[in-house]
Amino acid sequence: MKKIKLEDKEYELIEEYKDGFDIEALKEKYTDYFYDYDYILGDWSYGKLRLKGFCERKNKMCKRINDIKFKDDYIKNLCSYECSYFLLKKI
């Protein structure tokens, strides 16, 4: 697993599909908004990186819309068909 440091947070790259991970694009998009999320999903649509935060059930911010259990539904229904993507887990 590849480890990534963003500001003062550490993440592991736990999933990558179609070479979707780009550290420079991620650094440009990453903000403190994502600090409380347990996972960050990055997907590519029309040449632009989109980021989405997901939580584990034990996280007080967890709702159905950001529950990591529904990541595949998010990719299937809200991302471009067969898009490149990556998933980071906070460590």
N, C-alpha and C. Protein backbone atom coordinates (compact mmCIF):
# COMPACT_ATOMS: atom_id res chain seq x y z
N MET A 1 0.84 -1.18 0.00
CA MET A 1 0.00 0.00 0.00
C MET A 1 0.89 1.25 0.00
N LYS A 2 0.53 2.18 -0.83
CA LYS A 2 1.27 3.43 -0.93
C LYS A 2 0.74 4.42 0.11
N LYS A 3 1.65 5.07 0.86
CA LYS A 3 1.26 6.06 1.86
C LYS A 3 1.42 7.46 1.28
N ILE A 4 0.44 8.31 1.61
CA ILE A 4 0.41 9.67 1.10
C ILE A 4 0.22 10.61 2.28
N LYS A 5 0.98 11.69 2.31
CA LYS A 5 0.80 12.70 3.36
C LYS A 5 0.22 13.95 2.71
N LEU A 6 -0.93 14.39 3.23
CA LEU A 6 -1.58 15.61 2.76
C LEU A 6 -1.72 16.53 3.96
N GLU A 7 -1.04 17.66 3.89
CA GLU A 7 -0.96 18.58 5.02
C GLU A 7 -0.48 17.77 6.22
N ASP A 8 -1.22 17.69 7.31
CA ASP A 8 -0.73 16.92 8.46
C ASP A 8 -1.44 15.58 8.62
N LYS A 9 -2.13 15.12 7.59
CA LYS A 9 -2.88 13.86 7.62
C LYS A 9 -2.17 12.82 6.75
N GLU A 10 -2.24 11.56 7.20
CA GLU A 10 -1.65 10.46 6.42
C GLU A 10 -2.75 9.55 5.91
N TYR A 11 -2.56 9.10 4.69
CA TYR A 11 -3.52 8.22 4.03
C TYR A 11 -2.77 7.06 3.37
N GLU A 12 -3.52 6.00 3.12
CA GLU A 12 -3.03 4.88 2.32
C GLU A 12 -3.86 4.80 1.06
N LEU A 13 -3.20 4.58 -0.05
CA LEU A 13 -3.90 4.33 -1.31
C LEU A 13 -4.33 2.87 -1.27
N ILE A 14 -5.62 2.60 -1.08
CA ILE A 14 -6.08 1.22 -0.92
C ILE A 14 -6.76 0.67 -2.17
N GLU A 15 -7.09 1.55 -3.11
CA GLU A 15 -7.71 1.09 -4.35
C GLU A 15 -7.40 2.09 -5.45
N GLU A 16 -7.09 1.57 -6.63
CA GLU A 16 -6.86 2.42 -7.80
C GLU A 16 -7.39 1.69 -9.02
N TYR A 17 -8.17 2.39 -9.82
CA TYR A 17 -8.76 1.80 -11.01
C TYR A 17 -8.37 2.64 -12.22
N LYS A 18 -7.82 1.99 -13.22
CA LYS A 18 -7.41 2.63 -14.48
C LYS A 18 -6.44 3.78 -14.25
N ASP A 19 -5.44 3.56 -13.41
CA ASP A 19 -4.40 4.57 -13.14
C ASP A 19 -5.00 5.92 -12.73
N GLY A 20 -6.01 5.88 -11.87
CA GLY A 20 -6.71 7.10 -11.50
C GLY A 20 -5.99 8.00 -10.51
N PHE A 21 -4.96 7.50 -9.85
CA PHE A 21 -4.31 8.31 -8.82
C PHE A 21 -3.30 9.27 -9.41
N ASP A 22 -3.44 10.55 -9.06
CA ASP A 22 -2.53 11.61 -9.50
C ASP A 22 -2.28 12.50 -8.29
N ILE A 23 -1.11 12.40 -7.69
CA ILE A 23 -0.82 13.12 -6.44
C ILE A 23 -0.88 14.63 -6.63
N GLU A 24 -0.42 15.14 -7.74
CA GLU A 24 -0.43 16.60 -7.96
C GLU A 24 -1.86 17.12 -8.08
N ALA A 25 -2.72 16.43 -8.80
CA ALA A 25 -4.12 16.85 -8.93
C ALA A 25 -4.81 16.77 -7.57
N LEU A 26 -4.49 15.75 -6.79
CA LEU A 26 -5.06 15.60 -5.46
C LEU A 26 -4.65 16.75 -4.56
N LYS A 27 -3.39 17.11 -4.57
CA LYS A 27 -2.91 18.21 -3.73
C LYS A 27 -3.60 19.53 -4.07
N GLU A 28 -3.91 19.73 -5.34
CA GLU A 28 -4.60 20.96 -5.76
C GLU A 28 -6.03 21.00 -5.23
N LYS A 29 -6.70 19.85 -5.13
CA LYS A 29 -8.10 19.79 -4.72
C LYS A 29 -8.31 19.60 -3.22
N TYR A 30 -7.35 19.03 -2.54
CA TYR A 30 -7.49 18.67 -1.13
C TYR A 30 -7.58 19.91 -0.25
N THR A 31 -8.57 19.93 0.66
CA THR A 31 -8.72 21.02 1.62
C THR A 31 -9.03 20.45 3.00
N ASP A 32 -9.13 21.32 3.98
CA ASP A 32 -9.46 20.89 5.34
C ASP A 32 -10.88 20.32 5.45
N TYR A 33 -11.69 20.50 4.43
CA TYR A 33 -13.03 19.91 4.39
C TYR A 33 -12.97 18.40 4.61
N PHE A 34 -11.92 17.76 4.14
CA PHE A 34 -11.81 16.30 4.18
C PHE A 34 -11.20 15.75 5.48
N TYR A 35 -10.79 16.61 6.39
CA TYR A 35 -10.13 16.16 7.62
C TYR A 35 -10.96 15.14 8.42
N ASP A 36 -12.26 15.33 8.50
CA ASP A 36 -13.10 14.46 9.34
C ASP A 36 -13.53 13.16 8.66
N TYR A 37 -13.26 13.02 7.39
CA TYR A 37 -13.66 11.81 6.67
C TYR A 37 -12.61 10.72 6.82
N ASP A 38 -13.07 9.48 6.84
CA ASP A 38 -12.17 8.33 6.97
C ASP A 38 -11.58 7.91 5.62
N TYR A 39 -12.26 8.25 4.54
CA TYR A 39 -11.84 7.88 3.19
C TYR A 39 -12.05 9.07 2.26
N ILE A 40 -11.23 9.10 1.22
CA ILE A 40 -11.42 10.08 0.14
C ILE A 40 -11.43 9.30 -1.17
N LEU A 41 -12.49 9.47 -1.92
CA LEU A 41 -12.59 8.87 -3.25
C LEU A 41 -12.35 9.98 -4.27
N GLY A 42 -11.44 9.74 -5.18
CA GLY A 42 -11.20 10.69 -6.27
C GLY A 42 -11.58 10.02 -7.58
N ASP A 43 -12.45 10.67 -8.34
CA ASP A 43 -12.83 10.11 -9.65
C ASP A 43 -12.64 11.19 -10.72
N TRP A 44 -12.39 10.72 -11.92
CA TRP A 44 -12.12 11.61 -13.04
C TRP A 44 -13.32 11.67 -13.97
N SER A 45 -13.76 12.89 -14.25
CA SER A 45 -14.88 13.10 -15.15
C SER A 45 -14.53 14.27 -16.07
N TYR A 46 -14.54 14.03 -17.36
CA TYR A 46 -14.23 15.05 -18.36
C TYR A 46 -12.89 15.73 -18.07
N GLY A 47 -11.91 14.93 -17.67
CA GLY A 47 -10.57 15.43 -17.43
C GLY A 47 -10.38 16.17 -16.12
N LYS A 48 -11.39 16.18 -15.27
CA LYS A 48 -11.29 16.89 -13.98
C LYS A 48 -11.45 15.91 -12.83
N LEU A 49 -10.64 16.12 -11.80
CA LEU A 49 -10.70 15.29 -10.60
C LEU A 49 -11.80 15.80 -9.68
N ARG A 50 -12.64 14.87 -9.22
CA ARG A 50 -13.67 15.19 -8.23
C ARG A 50 -13.34 14.39 -6.98
N LEU A 51 -13.51 14.99 -5.81
CA LEU A 51 -13.25 14.30 -4.55
C LEU A 51 -14.54 14.17 -3.75
N LYS A 52 -14.67 13.04 -3.06
CA LYS A 52 -15.84 12.76 -2.23
C LYS A 52 -15.35 12.11 -0.94
N GLY A 53 -15.81 12.59 0.20
CA GLY A 53 -15.45 12.02 1.48
C GLY A 53 -16.43 10.93 1.88
N PHE A 54 -15.90 9.87 2.46
CA PHE A 54 -16.71 8.76 2.98
C PHE A 54 -16.30 8.46 4.41
N CYS A 55 -17.23 7.88 5.17
CA CYS A 55 -17.00 7.57 6.58
C CYS A 55 -17.28 6.11 6.88
N GLU A 56 -16.63 5.63 7.92
CA GLU A 56 -17.00 4.34 8.49
C GLU A 56 -18.20 4.57 9.40
N ARG A 57 -18.93 3.52 9.69
CA ARG A 57 -20.15 3.65 10.50
C ARG A 57 -19.91 4.26 11.88
N LYS A 58 -18.74 4.03 12.45
CA LYS A 58 -18.45 4.54 13.80
C LYS A 58 -18.20 6.05 13.82
N ASN A 59 -17.98 6.66 12.67
CA ASN A 59 -17.75 8.10 12.57
C ASN A 59 -19.09 8.83 12.78
N LYS A 60 -19.11 9.83 13.67
CA LYS A 60 -20.36 10.55 13.98
C LYS A 60 -20.93 11.28 12.76
N MET A 61 -20.11 11.52 11.74
CA MET A 61 -20.58 12.19 10.53
C MET A 61 -21.23 11.22 9.54
N CYS A 62 -21.19 9.94 9.82
CA CYS A 62 -21.65 8.93 8.87
C CYS A 62 -23.17 9.02 8.64
N LYS A 63 -23.51 9.17 7.38
CA LYS A 63 -24.90 9.12 6.92
C LYS A 63 -24.90 8.22 5.69
N ARG A 64 -26.06 7.84 5.22
CA ARG A 64 -26.11 6.94 4.07
C ARG A 64 -25.35 7.52 2.86
N ILE A 65 -25.44 8.82 2.68
CA ILE A 65 -24.82 9.45 1.52
C ILE A 65 -23.29 9.38 1.54
N ASN A 66 -22.70 9.23 2.74
CA ASN A 66 -21.23 9.17 2.80
C ASN A 66 -20.72 7.92 3.53
N ASP A 67 -21.56 6.91 3.64
CA ASP A 67 -21.18 5.64 4.25
C ASP A 67 -20.30 4.86 3.27
N ILE A 68 -19.12 4.46 3.69
CA ILE A 68 -18.19 3.75 2.81
C ILE A 68 -18.80 2.46 2.26
N LYS A 69 -19.75 1.90 2.94
CA LYS A 69 -20.42 0.68 2.45
C LYS A 69 -21.13 0.91 1.12
N PHE A 70 -21.44 2.17 0.80
CA PHE A 70 -22.16 2.49 -0.42
C PHE A 70 -21.27 3.13 -1.48
N LYS A 71 -19.95 2.97 -1.32
CA LYS A 71 -18.99 3.52 -2.29
C LYS A 71 -19.25 3.01 -3.70
N ASP A 72 -19.50 1.72 -3.84
CA ASP A 72 -19.72 1.16 -5.17
C ASP A 72 -20.99 1.71 -5.82
N ASP A 73 -22.03 1.95 -5.02
CA ASP A 73 -23.25 2.58 -5.55
C ASP A 73 -22.94 3.99 -6.05
N TYR A 74 -22.13 4.72 -5.29
CA TYR A 74 -21.75 6.07 -5.69
C TYR A 74 -21.02 6.03 -7.04
N ILE A 75 -20.06 5.13 -7.16
CA ILE A 75 -19.29 5.03 -8.41
C ILE A 75 -20.21 4.66 -9.57
N LYS A 76 -21.08 3.70 -9.35
CA LYS A 76 -21.98 3.23 -10.40
C LYS A 76 -22.98 4.29 -10.83
N ASN A 77 -23.55 5.00 -9.86
CA ASN A 77 -24.66 5.91 -10.16
C ASN A 77 -24.29 7.38 -10.33
N LEU A 78 -23.17 7.81 -9.78
CA LEU A 78 -22.87 9.24 -9.79
C LEU A 78 -21.53 9.60 -10.44
N CYS A 79 -20.82 8.61 -10.92
CA CYS A 79 -19.56 8.87 -11.62
C CYS A 79 -19.71 8.54 -13.10
N SER A 80 -18.81 9.07 -13.90
CA SER A 80 -18.83 8.75 -15.33
C SER A 80 -18.60 7.26 -15.53
N TYR A 81 -19.23 6.69 -16.53
CA TYR A 81 -19.12 5.26 -16.82
C TYR A 81 -17.66 4.87 -17.03
N GLU A 82 -17.22 3.85 -16.27
CA GLU A 82 -15.87 3.30 -16.38
C GLU A 82 -14.78 4.34 -16.15
N CYS A 83 -15.05 5.31 -15.30
CA CYS A 83 -14.07 6.36 -15.02
C CYS A 83 -12.89 5.81 -14.22
N SER A 84 -11.80 6.51 -14.32
CA SER A 84 -10.64 6.22 -13.46
C SER A 84 -10.94 6.76 -12.08
N TYR A 85 -10.49 6.04 -11.05
CA TYR A 85 -10.69 6.54 -9.69
C TYR A 85 -9.67 5.94 -8.75
N PHE A 86 -9.64 6.49 -7.53
CA PHE A 86 -8.78 5.97 -6.47
C PHE A 86 -9.50 6.13 -5.14
N LEU A 87 -9.06 5.36 -4.16
CA LEU A 87 -9.62 5.45 -2.82
C LEU A 87 -8.49 5.52 -1.81
N LEU A 88 -8.52 6.55 -0.98
CA LEU A 88 -7.55 6.72 0.10
C LEU A 88 -8.23 6.45 1.44
N LYS A 89 -7.50 5.82 2.36
CA LYS A 89 -8.00 5.58 3.72
C LYS A 89 -7.08 6.32 4.67
N LYS A 90 -7.70 7.08 5.58
CA LYS A 90 -6.92 7.81 6.59
C LYS A 90 -6.32 6.81 7.58
N ILE A 91 -5.04 7.02 7.92
CA ILE A 91 -4.38 6.14 8.89
C ILE A 91 -3.90 6.94 10.08
